């Protein structure tokens, strides 16, 4: 089987990290192949700087720094894992920029210009009811700047626009309705979409 590169995407609070982690485990069980689980921003010095600076970096400087972290991520982590026959599951990828940097005031064409050379991923979009996501965000002890200025409803709209945009770029994309489903059922739906 060819190595898979899968990006788990969706609004803040939809459950990306939980689903990506469980997907990596079940994908390994299902295929018998090794799976590399990763995230963006990365756990590199640049990625950690990004996470620590999100409250003060805005707009274009943030978008460019994220694009640089992503380019390094693909070159130093994703491609080597795929070349070694491992599947890769990433929690966030290009679509997160195409949504969160728009919340931060940039337009889609500019964001794409910074990210157009990345390796395409099979993208899984997690969707849920905005009020469910808002409830989850309300249980967090603190929110990031972009979680505060954005909203689940707006992010869902922007993810749909990103999906439409990337459809013209021939990215494989699947939408998973998470409403009323526990994480294991969501992962089963993903594996079904991937025909695994």
N, C-alpha and C. Protein backbone atom coordinates (compact mmCIF):
# COMPACT_ATOMS: atom_id res chain seq x y z
N UNK A 1 0.84 -1.18 0.00
CA UNK A 1 0.00 0.00 0.00
C UNK A 1 0.88 1.25 0.00
N UNK A 2 0.51 2.23 -0.78
CA UNK A 2 1.21 3.50 -0.81
C UNK A 2 1.00 4.23 0.51
N UNK A 3 2.02 4.90 0.98
CA UNK A 3 1.90 5.65 2.23
C UNK A 3 0.88 6.76 2.08
N UNK A 4 0.08 6.95 3.11
CA UNK A 4 -0.96 7.98 3.11
C UNK A 4 -0.49 9.20 3.88
N UNK A 5 -0.85 10.37 3.39
CA UNK A 5 -0.62 11.63 4.10
C UNK A 5 -1.99 12.24 4.33
N UNK A 6 -2.41 12.27 5.60
CA UNK A 6 -3.77 12.68 5.97
C UNK A 6 -3.71 13.89 6.89
N UNK A 7 -4.47 14.91 6.55
CA UNK A 7 -4.58 16.11 7.40
C UNK A 7 -5.97 16.14 8.02
N UNK A 8 -6.01 16.27 9.35
CA UNK A 8 -7.28 16.40 10.07
C UNK A 8 -7.50 17.87 10.34
N UNK A 9 -8.61 18.39 9.83
CA UNK A 9 -8.90 19.82 9.87
C UNK A 9 -10.27 20.09 10.47
N UNK A 10 -10.49 21.31 10.86
CA UNK A 10 -11.79 21.74 11.36
C UNK A 10 -11.63 22.88 12.35
N UNK A 11 -12.76 23.47 12.76
CA UNK A 11 -12.71 24.63 13.64
C UNK A 11 -12.06 24.33 14.99
N UNK A 12 -11.56 25.36 15.62
CA UNK A 12 -11.06 25.22 16.99
C UNK A 12 -12.16 24.62 17.85
N UNK A 13 -11.83 23.57 18.60
CA UNK A 13 -12.79 22.96 19.51
C UNK A 13 -13.59 21.82 18.92
N UNK A 14 -13.37 21.47 17.64
CA UNK A 14 -14.16 20.40 17.02
C UNK A 14 -13.65 19.01 17.40
N UNK A 15 -12.41 18.92 17.90
CA UNK A 15 -11.88 17.63 18.33
C UNK A 15 -10.77 17.08 17.45
N UNK A 16 -10.07 17.93 16.73
CA UNK A 16 -9.02 17.50 15.80
C UNK A 16 -7.94 16.66 16.48
N UNK A 17 -7.45 17.11 17.61
CA UNK A 17 -6.34 16.42 18.26
C UNK A 17 -6.76 15.03 18.71
N UNK A 18 -7.92 14.91 19.32
CA UNK A 18 -8.43 13.61 19.75
C UNK A 18 -8.59 12.68 18.56
N UNK A 19 -9.21 13.19 17.49
CA UNK A 19 -9.47 12.36 16.32
C UNK A 19 -8.17 11.98 15.62
N UNK A 20 -7.25 12.92 15.46
CA UNK A 20 -5.97 12.61 14.80
C UNK A 20 -5.22 11.52 15.55
N UNK A 21 -5.21 11.60 16.88
CA UNK A 21 -4.51 10.61 17.70
C UNK A 21 -5.14 9.23 17.53
N UNK A 22 -6.47 9.17 17.61
CA UNK A 22 -7.15 7.87 17.47
C UNK A 22 -7.05 7.35 16.04
N UNK A 23 -7.10 8.25 15.07
CA UNK A 23 -6.96 7.83 13.69
C UNK A 23 -5.59 7.19 13.45
N UNK A 24 -4.55 7.78 13.99
CA UNK A 24 -3.20 7.22 13.82
C UNK A 24 -3.13 5.80 14.37
N UNK A 25 -3.72 5.59 15.55
CA UNK A 25 -3.70 4.26 16.17
C UNK A 25 -4.49 3.26 15.34
N UNK A 26 -5.69 3.64 14.94
CA UNK A 26 -6.55 2.72 14.18
C UNK A 26 -6.00 2.48 12.77
N UNK A 27 -5.38 3.49 12.17
CA UNK A 27 -4.78 3.33 10.85
C UNK A 27 -3.64 2.32 10.92
N UNK A 28 -2.85 2.39 11.97
CA UNK A 28 -1.77 1.42 12.14
C UNK A 28 -2.33 0.02 12.31
N UNK A 29 -3.37 -0.12 13.15
CA UNK A 29 -3.99 -1.42 13.35
C UNK A 29 -4.59 -1.96 12.06
N UNK A 30 -5.24 -1.09 11.30
CA UNK A 30 -5.97 -1.50 10.10
C UNK A 30 -5.02 -1.88 8.96
N UNK A 31 -3.93 -1.14 8.80
CA UNK A 31 -3.05 -1.37 7.65
C UNK A 31 -1.82 -2.20 7.99
N UNK A 32 -1.50 -2.29 9.29
CA UNK A 32 -0.28 -2.99 9.68
C UNK A 32 0.98 -2.18 9.40
N UNK A 33 0.79 -0.96 8.90
CA UNK A 33 1.93 -0.10 8.60
C UNK A 33 2.19 0.87 9.74
N UNK A 34 3.39 1.38 9.79
CA UNK A 34 3.76 2.35 10.81
C UNK A 34 3.12 3.71 10.48
N UNK A 35 2.69 4.43 11.52
CA UNK A 35 2.05 5.73 11.34
C UNK A 35 2.80 6.78 12.15
N UNK A 36 3.08 7.89 11.50
CA UNK A 36 3.73 9.03 12.16
C UNK A 36 2.67 10.08 12.41
N UNK A 37 2.43 10.43 13.68
CA UNK A 37 1.47 11.46 14.07
C UNK A 37 2.22 12.76 14.32
N UNK A 38 1.74 13.84 13.73
CA UNK A 38 2.40 15.13 13.86
C UNK A 38 1.36 16.23 13.98
N UNK A 39 1.81 17.46 14.14
CA UNK A 39 0.89 18.58 14.32
C UNK A 39 1.51 19.86 13.78
N UNK A 40 0.66 20.84 13.55
CA UNK A 40 1.11 22.19 13.20
C UNK A 40 0.41 23.19 14.10
N UNK A 41 1.10 24.25 14.54
CA UNK A 41 2.53 24.44 14.40
C UNK A 41 3.29 23.24 14.97
N UNK A 42 4.50 23.04 14.48
CA UNK A 42 5.30 21.88 14.83
C UNK A 42 5.86 22.00 16.25
N UNK A 43 6.52 20.91 16.66
CA UNK A 43 7.19 20.91 17.96
C UNK A 43 8.68 21.24 17.80
N UNK A 44 9.00 21.98 16.76
CA UNK A 44 10.38 22.45 16.53
C UNK A 44 10.55 23.79 17.25
N UNK A 45 11.78 24.30 17.33
CA UNK A 45 11.94 25.63 17.94
C UNK A 45 11.07 26.70 17.27
N UNK A 46 10.96 26.66 15.93
CA UNK A 46 10.12 27.64 15.24
C UNK A 46 8.65 27.45 15.60
N UNK A 47 8.19 26.20 15.62
CA UNK A 47 6.81 25.93 15.97
C UNK A 47 6.47 26.34 17.39
N UNK A 48 7.40 26.08 18.32
CA UNK A 48 7.17 26.49 19.72
C UNK A 48 7.15 28.01 19.83
N UNK A 49 8.03 28.69 19.08
CA UNK A 49 8.02 30.15 19.07
C UNK A 49 6.67 30.67 18.55
N UNK A 50 6.16 30.04 17.50
CA UNK A 50 4.85 30.43 16.96
C UNK A 50 3.76 30.30 18.00
N UNK A 51 3.72 29.17 18.68
CA UNK A 51 2.69 28.96 19.70
C UNK A 51 2.79 30.01 20.80
N UNK A 52 4.01 30.33 21.19
CA UNK A 52 4.21 31.30 22.26
C UNK A 52 3.94 32.73 21.80
N UNK A 53 3.99 32.99 20.48
CA UNK A 53 3.88 34.35 19.96
C UNK A 53 2.55 34.67 19.30
N UNK A 54 1.61 33.72 19.30
CA UNK A 54 0.35 33.90 18.59
C UNK A 54 -0.42 35.11 19.09
N UNK A 55 -0.21 35.47 20.34
CA UNK A 55 -0.95 36.63 20.87
C UNK A 55 -0.37 37.96 20.38
N UNK A 56 0.88 37.95 19.92
CA UNK A 56 1.49 39.21 19.47
C UNK A 56 1.78 39.25 17.96
N UNK A 57 1.89 38.09 17.32
CA UNK A 57 2.07 38.05 15.86
C UNK A 57 0.69 38.06 15.22
N UNK A 58 0.47 38.97 14.28
CA UNK A 58 -0.83 39.08 13.61
C UNK A 58 -0.63 39.11 12.11
N UNK A 59 -1.70 38.84 11.38
CA UNK A 59 -1.74 39.06 9.94
C UNK A 59 -0.61 38.43 9.18
N UNK A 60 0.01 39.22 8.30
CA UNK A 60 1.03 38.72 7.39
C UNK A 60 2.24 38.12 8.12
N UNK A 61 2.79 38.76 9.16
CA UNK A 61 3.93 38.14 9.84
C UNK A 61 3.60 36.74 10.39
N UNK A 62 2.40 36.58 10.95
CA UNK A 62 2.00 35.27 11.46
C UNK A 62 1.85 34.27 10.31
N UNK A 63 1.19 34.69 9.23
CA UNK A 63 0.97 33.80 8.09
C UNK A 63 2.29 33.34 7.46
N UNK A 64 3.23 34.25 7.32
CA UNK A 64 4.53 33.90 6.74
C UNK A 64 5.32 32.96 7.65
N UNK A 65 5.26 33.20 8.95
CA UNK A 65 5.97 32.34 9.89
C UNK A 65 5.36 30.95 9.90
N UNK A 66 4.03 30.87 9.86
CA UNK A 66 3.37 29.56 9.79
C UNK A 66 3.73 28.84 8.50
N UNK A 67 3.79 29.56 7.38
CA UNK A 67 4.15 28.94 6.11
C UNK A 67 5.59 28.42 6.15
N UNK A 68 6.49 29.17 6.80
CA UNK A 68 7.88 28.71 6.93
C UNK A 68 7.95 27.45 7.79
N UNK A 69 7.20 27.44 8.90
CA UNK A 69 7.17 26.26 9.77
C UNK A 69 6.61 25.07 9.00
N UNK A 70 5.59 25.30 8.20
CA UNK A 70 4.97 24.22 7.41
C UNK A 70 5.96 23.69 6.36
N UNK A 71 6.64 24.57 5.65
CA UNK A 71 7.59 24.13 4.64
C UNK A 71 8.70 23.27 5.26
N UNK A 72 9.20 23.71 6.40
CA UNK A 72 10.23 22.93 7.10
C UNK A 72 9.66 21.59 7.59
N UNK A 73 8.42 21.62 8.06
CA UNK A 73 7.73 20.42 8.54
C UNK A 73 7.63 19.38 7.42
N UNK A 74 7.21 19.82 6.24
CA UNK A 74 7.05 18.90 5.11
C UNK A 74 8.41 18.34 4.71
N UNK A 75 9.41 19.19 4.59
CA UNK A 75 10.73 18.75 4.13
C UNK A 75 11.45 17.85 5.14
N UNK A 76 11.39 18.21 6.42
CA UNK A 76 12.21 17.50 7.40
C UNK A 76 11.48 16.37 8.11
N UNK A 77 10.15 16.36 8.05
CA UNK A 77 9.41 15.35 8.82
C UNK A 77 8.45 14.53 7.95
N UNK A 78 7.59 15.21 7.20
CA UNK A 78 6.54 14.50 6.45
C UNK A 78 7.13 13.67 5.31
N UNK A 79 7.89 14.29 4.43
CA UNK A 79 8.43 13.56 3.28
C UNK A 79 9.35 12.42 3.71
N UNK A 80 10.28 12.62 4.68
CA UNK A 80 11.09 11.48 5.10
C UNK A 80 10.26 10.31 5.65
N UNK A 81 9.20 10.62 6.40
CA UNK A 81 8.36 9.53 6.92
C UNK A 81 7.67 8.79 5.78
N UNK A 82 7.12 9.54 4.82
CA UNK A 82 6.46 8.90 3.67
C UNK A 82 7.45 8.08 2.86
N UNK A 83 8.66 8.63 2.65
CA UNK A 83 9.68 7.92 1.89
C UNK A 83 10.12 6.63 2.58
N UNK A 84 9.97 6.59 3.91
CA UNK A 84 10.31 5.38 4.67
C UNK A 84 9.14 4.42 4.78
N UNK A 85 8.06 4.69 4.02
CA UNK A 85 6.92 3.78 4.00
C UNK A 85 5.94 3.96 5.13
N UNK A 86 6.05 5.05 5.87
CA UNK A 86 5.14 5.30 6.99
C UNK A 86 3.97 6.16 6.52
N UNK A 87 2.80 5.93 7.09
CA UNK A 87 1.67 6.83 6.90
C UNK A 87 1.90 8.04 7.80
N UNK A 88 1.38 9.19 7.40
CA UNK A 88 1.51 10.41 8.21
C UNK A 88 0.11 10.98 8.44
N UNK A 89 -0.19 11.27 9.71
CA UNK A 89 -1.42 11.96 10.09
C UNK A 89 -1.01 13.26 10.77
N UNK A 90 -1.50 14.39 10.23
CA UNK A 90 -1.18 15.67 10.85
C UNK A 90 -2.45 16.34 11.39
N UNK A 91 -2.32 16.84 12.59
CA UNK A 91 -3.36 17.63 13.24
C UNK A 91 -3.13 19.07 12.80
N UNK A 92 -3.89 19.53 11.80
CA UNK A 92 -3.80 20.83 11.13
C UNK A 92 -2.80 20.79 9.98
N UNK A 93 -3.15 21.59 8.96
CA UNK A 93 -2.26 21.71 7.80
C UNK A 93 -2.64 23.01 7.08
N UNK A 94 -2.57 23.03 5.78
CA UNK A 94 -2.77 24.24 4.99
C UNK A 94 -4.13 24.89 5.26
N UNK A 95 -5.17 24.07 5.38
CA UNK A 95 -6.51 24.62 5.55
C UNK A 95 -6.63 25.45 6.81
N UNK A 96 -5.90 25.10 7.86
CA UNK A 96 -5.94 25.92 9.07
C UNK A 96 -5.46 27.33 8.79
N UNK A 97 -4.43 27.46 7.97
CA UNK A 97 -3.99 28.80 7.57
C UNK A 97 -5.04 29.49 6.73
N UNK A 98 -5.68 28.73 5.84
CA UNK A 98 -6.68 29.31 4.95
C UNK A 98 -7.92 29.78 5.70
N UNK A 99 -8.04 29.35 6.94
CA UNK A 99 -9.16 29.78 7.80
C UNK A 99 -8.68 30.82 8.81
N UNK A 100 -7.70 30.46 9.63
CA UNK A 100 -7.31 31.32 10.74
C UNK A 100 -6.64 32.61 10.28
N UNK A 101 -5.89 32.56 9.17
CA UNK A 101 -5.29 33.80 8.69
C UNK A 101 -6.34 34.70 8.04
N UNK A 102 -7.44 34.13 7.59
CA UNK A 102 -8.56 34.96 7.11
C UNK A 102 -9.26 35.62 8.30
N UNK A 103 -9.42 34.88 9.38
CA UNK A 103 -9.96 35.48 10.61
C UNK A 103 -9.07 36.65 11.03
N UNK A 104 -7.78 36.52 10.74
CA UNK A 104 -6.78 37.52 11.10
C UNK A 104 -6.62 38.62 10.05
N UNK A 105 -7.48 38.62 9.00
CA UNK A 105 -7.53 39.75 8.09
C UNK A 105 -6.91 39.58 6.72
N UNK A 106 -6.32 38.41 6.41
CA UNK A 106 -5.72 38.22 5.09
C UNK A 106 -6.74 37.61 4.13
N UNK A 107 -6.48 37.75 2.83
CA UNK A 107 -7.39 37.14 1.87
C UNK A 107 -6.83 35.78 1.42
N UNK A 108 -7.71 34.98 0.86
CA UNK A 108 -7.39 33.61 0.51
C UNK A 108 -6.26 33.51 -0.51
N UNK A 109 -6.24 34.38 -1.49
CA UNK A 109 -5.19 34.32 -2.51
C UNK A 109 -3.81 34.57 -1.92
N UNK A 110 -3.72 35.51 -0.98
CA UNK A 110 -2.42 35.77 -0.35
C UNK A 110 -1.97 34.56 0.47
N UNK A 111 -2.88 33.99 1.24
CA UNK A 111 -2.53 32.83 2.07
C UNK A 111 -2.07 31.67 1.17
N UNK A 112 -2.80 31.45 0.08
CA UNK A 112 -2.43 30.36 -0.83
C UNK A 112 -1.06 30.63 -1.46
N UNK A 113 -0.76 31.88 -1.76
CA UNK A 113 0.55 32.20 -2.35
C UNK A 113 1.69 31.75 -1.44
N UNK A 114 1.48 31.81 -0.13
CA UNK A 114 2.52 31.39 0.81
C UNK A 114 2.59 29.87 0.96
N UNK A 115 1.54 29.16 0.57
CA UNK A 115 1.43 27.73 0.85
C UNK A 115 1.27 26.84 -0.38
N UNK A 116 1.25 27.41 -1.57
CA UNK A 116 0.89 26.65 -2.76
C UNK A 116 1.86 25.55 -3.14
N UNK A 117 3.06 25.59 -2.61
CA UNK A 117 4.06 24.60 -3.01
C UNK A 117 4.14 23.40 -2.06
N UNK A 118 3.27 23.34 -1.07
CA UNK A 118 3.33 22.24 -0.12
C UNK A 118 2.82 20.95 -0.76
N UNK A 119 3.13 19.85 -0.13
CA UNK A 119 2.67 18.54 -0.56
C UNK A 119 1.18 18.41 -0.28
N UNK A 120 0.36 18.08 -1.28
CA UNK A 120 -1.07 17.90 -1.01
C UNK A 120 -1.31 16.73 -0.05
N UNK A 121 -2.30 16.89 0.78
CA UNK A 121 -2.70 15.83 1.72
C UNK A 121 -4.13 15.42 1.43
N UNK A 122 -4.48 14.21 1.82
CA UNK A 122 -5.89 13.83 1.86
C UNK A 122 -6.47 14.51 3.08
N UNK A 123 -7.40 15.41 2.85
CA UNK A 123 -7.89 16.28 3.93
C UNK A 123 -9.22 15.79 4.47
N UNK A 124 -9.28 15.69 5.79
CA UNK A 124 -10.49 15.28 6.49
C UNK A 124 -10.99 16.50 7.26
N UNK A 125 -12.19 16.97 6.90
CA UNK A 125 -12.78 18.12 7.56
C UNK A 125 -13.80 17.64 8.59
N UNK A 126 -13.56 17.97 9.84
CA UNK A 126 -14.51 17.62 10.90
C UNK A 126 -15.49 18.78 11.07
N UNK A 127 -16.78 18.46 11.06
CA UNK A 127 -17.81 19.47 11.26
C UNK A 127 -18.73 19.04 12.39
N UNK A 128 -19.20 20.02 13.15
CA UNK A 128 -20.19 19.79 14.21
C UNK A 128 -21.04 21.04 14.31
N UNK A 129 -22.07 20.96 15.11
CA UNK A 129 -22.94 22.12 15.30
C UNK A 129 -22.16 23.24 15.99
N UNK A 130 -22.29 24.49 15.54
CA UNK A 130 -21.54 25.59 16.15
C UNK A 130 -21.73 25.68 17.67
N UNK A 131 -22.96 25.44 18.15
CA UNK A 131 -23.19 25.56 19.59
C UNK A 131 -22.48 24.46 20.38
N UNK A 132 -22.30 23.28 19.77
CA UNK A 132 -21.55 22.20 20.42
C UNK A 132 -20.09 22.60 20.55
N UNK A 133 -19.53 23.14 19.47
CA UNK A 133 -18.12 23.56 19.49
C UNK A 133 -17.93 24.71 20.48
N UNK A 134 -18.86 25.67 20.48
CA UNK A 134 -18.79 26.79 21.43
C UNK A 134 -18.78 26.27 22.87
N UNK A 135 -19.60 25.27 23.15
CA UNK A 135 -19.62 24.68 24.49
C UNK A 135 -18.29 24.07 24.87
N UNK A 136 -17.66 23.40 23.94
CA UNK A 136 -16.34 22.81 24.22
C UNK A 136 -15.30 23.90 24.49
N UNK A 137 -15.33 24.95 23.65
CA UNK A 137 -14.37 26.04 23.87
C UNK A 137 -14.60 26.69 25.22
N UNK A 138 -15.85 26.77 25.65
CA UNK A 138 -16.18 27.38 26.94
C UNK A 138 -15.64 26.60 28.12
N UNK A 139 -15.31 25.32 27.91
CA UNK A 139 -14.77 24.50 28.99
C UNK A 139 -13.25 24.61 29.12
N UNK A 140 -12.62 25.28 28.17
CA UNK A 140 -11.16 25.43 28.23
C UNK A 140 -10.80 26.47 29.27
N UNK A 141 -9.65 26.28 29.90
CA UNK A 141 -9.21 27.23 30.93
C UNK A 141 -8.73 28.55 30.33
N UNK A 142 -8.26 28.50 29.08
CA UNK A 142 -7.86 29.74 28.40
C UNK A 142 -8.03 29.53 26.90
N UNK A 143 -8.19 30.63 26.19
CA UNK A 143 -8.36 30.61 24.75
C UNK A 143 -7.23 31.40 24.09
N UNK A 144 -6.88 31.01 22.88
CA UNK A 144 -5.88 31.77 22.13
C UNK A 144 -6.55 33.03 21.56
N UNK A 145 -5.74 33.95 21.08
CA UNK A 145 -6.26 35.18 20.49
C UNK A 145 -7.21 34.86 19.34
N UNK A 146 -6.84 33.92 18.47
CA UNK A 146 -7.68 33.61 17.32
C UNK A 146 -8.95 32.86 17.71
N UNK A 147 -8.90 32.10 18.80
CA UNK A 147 -10.13 31.47 19.29
C UNK A 147 -11.10 32.53 19.83
N UNK A 148 -10.54 33.59 20.40
CA UNK A 148 -11.38 34.66 20.95
C UNK A 148 -12.00 35.50 19.85
N UNK A 149 -11.20 35.87 18.82
CA UNK A 149 -11.74 36.76 17.77
C UNK A 149 -12.55 36.01 16.71
N UNK A 150 -12.34 34.70 16.60
CA UNK A 150 -13.10 33.90 15.64
C UNK A 150 -14.36 33.36 16.30
N UNK A 151 -15.08 32.55 15.56
CA UNK A 151 -16.24 31.86 16.11
C UNK A 151 -16.40 30.55 15.35
N UNK A 152 -16.95 29.52 15.99
CA UNK A 152 -17.15 28.25 15.28
C UNK A 152 -17.96 28.41 14.00
N UNK A 153 -19.00 29.22 14.03
CA UNK A 153 -19.83 29.39 12.83
C UNK A 153 -19.00 29.98 11.69
N UNK A 154 -18.21 31.02 11.98
CA UNK A 154 -17.38 31.66 10.96
C UNK A 154 -16.30 30.70 10.45
N UNK A 155 -15.67 29.96 11.37
CA UNK A 155 -14.64 29.02 10.95
C UNK A 155 -15.21 27.92 10.07
N UNK A 156 -16.40 27.42 10.39
CA UNK A 156 -17.04 26.41 9.54
C UNK A 156 -17.25 26.96 8.12
N UNK A 157 -17.72 28.20 8.02
CA UNK A 157 -17.91 28.84 6.71
C UNK A 157 -16.59 28.92 5.96
N UNK A 158 -15.54 29.35 6.65
CA UNK A 158 -14.24 29.52 6.01
C UNK A 158 -13.62 28.18 5.61
N UNK A 159 -13.85 27.13 6.40
CA UNK A 159 -13.37 25.80 6.01
C UNK A 159 -14.08 25.33 4.75
N UNK A 160 -15.37 25.63 4.63
CA UNK A 160 -16.10 25.25 3.41
C UNK A 160 -15.52 25.98 2.20
N UNK A 161 -15.18 27.25 2.39
CA UNK A 161 -14.57 28.01 1.28
C UNK A 161 -13.18 27.47 0.95
N UNK A 162 -12.41 27.11 1.96
CA UNK A 162 -11.09 26.52 1.72
C UNK A 162 -11.23 25.20 0.96
N UNK A 163 -12.21 24.40 1.35
CA UNK A 163 -12.44 23.12 0.68
C UNK A 163 -12.80 23.34 -0.80
N UNK A 164 -13.65 24.31 -1.04
CA UNK A 164 -14.02 24.62 -2.43
C UNK A 164 -12.79 25.09 -3.21
N UNK A 165 -11.98 25.95 -2.61
CA UNK A 165 -10.78 26.46 -3.26
C UNK A 165 -9.82 25.32 -3.60
N UNK A 166 -9.58 24.42 -2.64
CA UNK A 166 -8.63 23.34 -2.86
C UNK A 166 -9.19 22.27 -3.80
N UNK A 167 -10.51 22.24 -3.96
CA UNK A 167 -11.10 21.32 -4.93
C UNK A 167 -10.62 21.63 -6.34
N UNK A 168 -10.38 22.90 -6.62
CA UNK A 168 -9.85 23.27 -7.94
C UNK A 168 -8.36 22.97 -8.05
N UNK A 169 -7.72 22.63 -6.93
CA UNK A 169 -6.30 22.27 -6.93
C UNK A 169 -6.11 20.76 -6.86
N UNK A 170 -7.21 20.02 -7.00
CA UNK A 170 -7.19 18.54 -7.04
C UNK A 170 -6.72 17.89 -5.73
N UNK A 171 -7.07 18.48 -4.60
CA UNK A 171 -6.79 17.83 -3.32
C UNK A 171 -7.91 16.84 -3.04
N UNK A 172 -7.56 15.68 -2.50
CA UNK A 172 -8.59 14.73 -2.04
C UNK A 172 -9.14 15.25 -0.72
N UNK A 173 -10.47 15.35 -0.61
CA UNK A 173 -11.08 15.95 0.57
C UNK A 173 -12.35 15.19 0.96
N UNK A 174 -12.55 15.05 2.26
CA UNK A 174 -13.74 14.38 2.80
C UNK A 174 -14.26 15.18 3.98
N UNK A 175 -15.57 15.29 4.09
CA UNK A 175 -16.21 15.97 5.21
C UNK A 175 -16.82 14.91 6.11
N UNK A 176 -16.56 15.01 7.40
CA UNK A 176 -17.12 14.09 8.38
C UNK A 176 -18.01 14.88 9.34
N UNK A 177 -19.28 14.52 9.38
CA UNK A 177 -20.23 15.13 10.32
C UNK A 177 -20.05 14.44 11.66
N UNK A 178 -19.55 15.18 12.64
CA UNK A 178 -19.26 14.62 13.96
C UNK A 178 -20.45 14.72 14.92
N UNK A 179 -21.51 15.40 14.53
CA UNK A 179 -22.60 15.67 15.45
C UNK A 179 -23.21 14.37 16.00
N UNK A 180 -23.19 14.26 17.32
CA UNK A 180 -23.77 13.11 18.00
C UNK A 180 -22.93 11.85 17.94
N UNK A 181 -21.71 11.95 17.42
CA UNK A 181 -20.85 10.77 17.30
C UNK A 181 -19.70 10.85 18.31
N UNK A 182 -19.39 9.72 18.94
CA UNK A 182 -18.22 9.70 19.80
C UNK A 182 -16.97 9.59 18.92
N UNK A 183 -15.79 9.84 19.48
CA UNK A 183 -14.57 9.84 18.65
C UNK A 183 -14.35 8.54 17.87
N UNK A 184 -14.68 7.40 18.45
CA UNK A 184 -14.45 6.14 17.73
C UNK A 184 -15.34 6.04 16.49
N UNK A 185 -16.58 6.51 16.58
CA UNK A 185 -17.46 6.49 15.41
C UNK A 185 -16.97 7.47 14.34
N UNK A 186 -16.41 8.60 14.78
CA UNK A 186 -15.85 9.56 13.82
C UNK A 186 -14.68 8.93 13.08
N UNK A 187 -13.79 8.26 13.81
CA UNK A 187 -12.64 7.61 13.17
C UNK A 187 -13.10 6.51 12.22
N UNK A 188 -14.11 5.74 12.62
CA UNK A 188 -14.65 4.72 11.72
C UNK A 188 -15.16 5.35 10.43
N UNK A 189 -15.84 6.49 10.54
CA UNK A 189 -16.33 7.18 9.35
C UNK A 189 -15.17 7.64 8.46
N UNK A 190 -14.09 8.09 9.07
CA UNK A 190 -12.91 8.50 8.29
C UNK A 190 -12.32 7.30 7.55
N UNK A 191 -12.13 6.19 8.26
CA UNK A 191 -11.56 5.00 7.63
C UNK A 191 -12.46 4.50 6.50
N UNK A 192 -13.77 4.61 6.68
CA UNK A 192 -14.70 4.22 5.61
C UNK A 192 -14.52 5.11 4.39
N UNK A 193 -14.37 6.44 4.61
CA UNK A 193 -14.14 7.37 3.49
C UNK A 193 -12.85 7.02 2.74
N UNK A 194 -11.87 6.61 3.50
CA UNK A 194 -10.57 6.27 2.90
C UNK A 194 -10.54 4.86 2.31
N UNK A 195 -11.68 4.14 2.51
CA UNK A 195 -11.80 2.75 2.03
C UNK A 195 -10.75 1.85 2.64
N UNK A 196 -10.58 2.01 3.96
CA UNK A 196 -9.59 1.17 4.70
C UNK A 196 -10.30 0.28 5.71
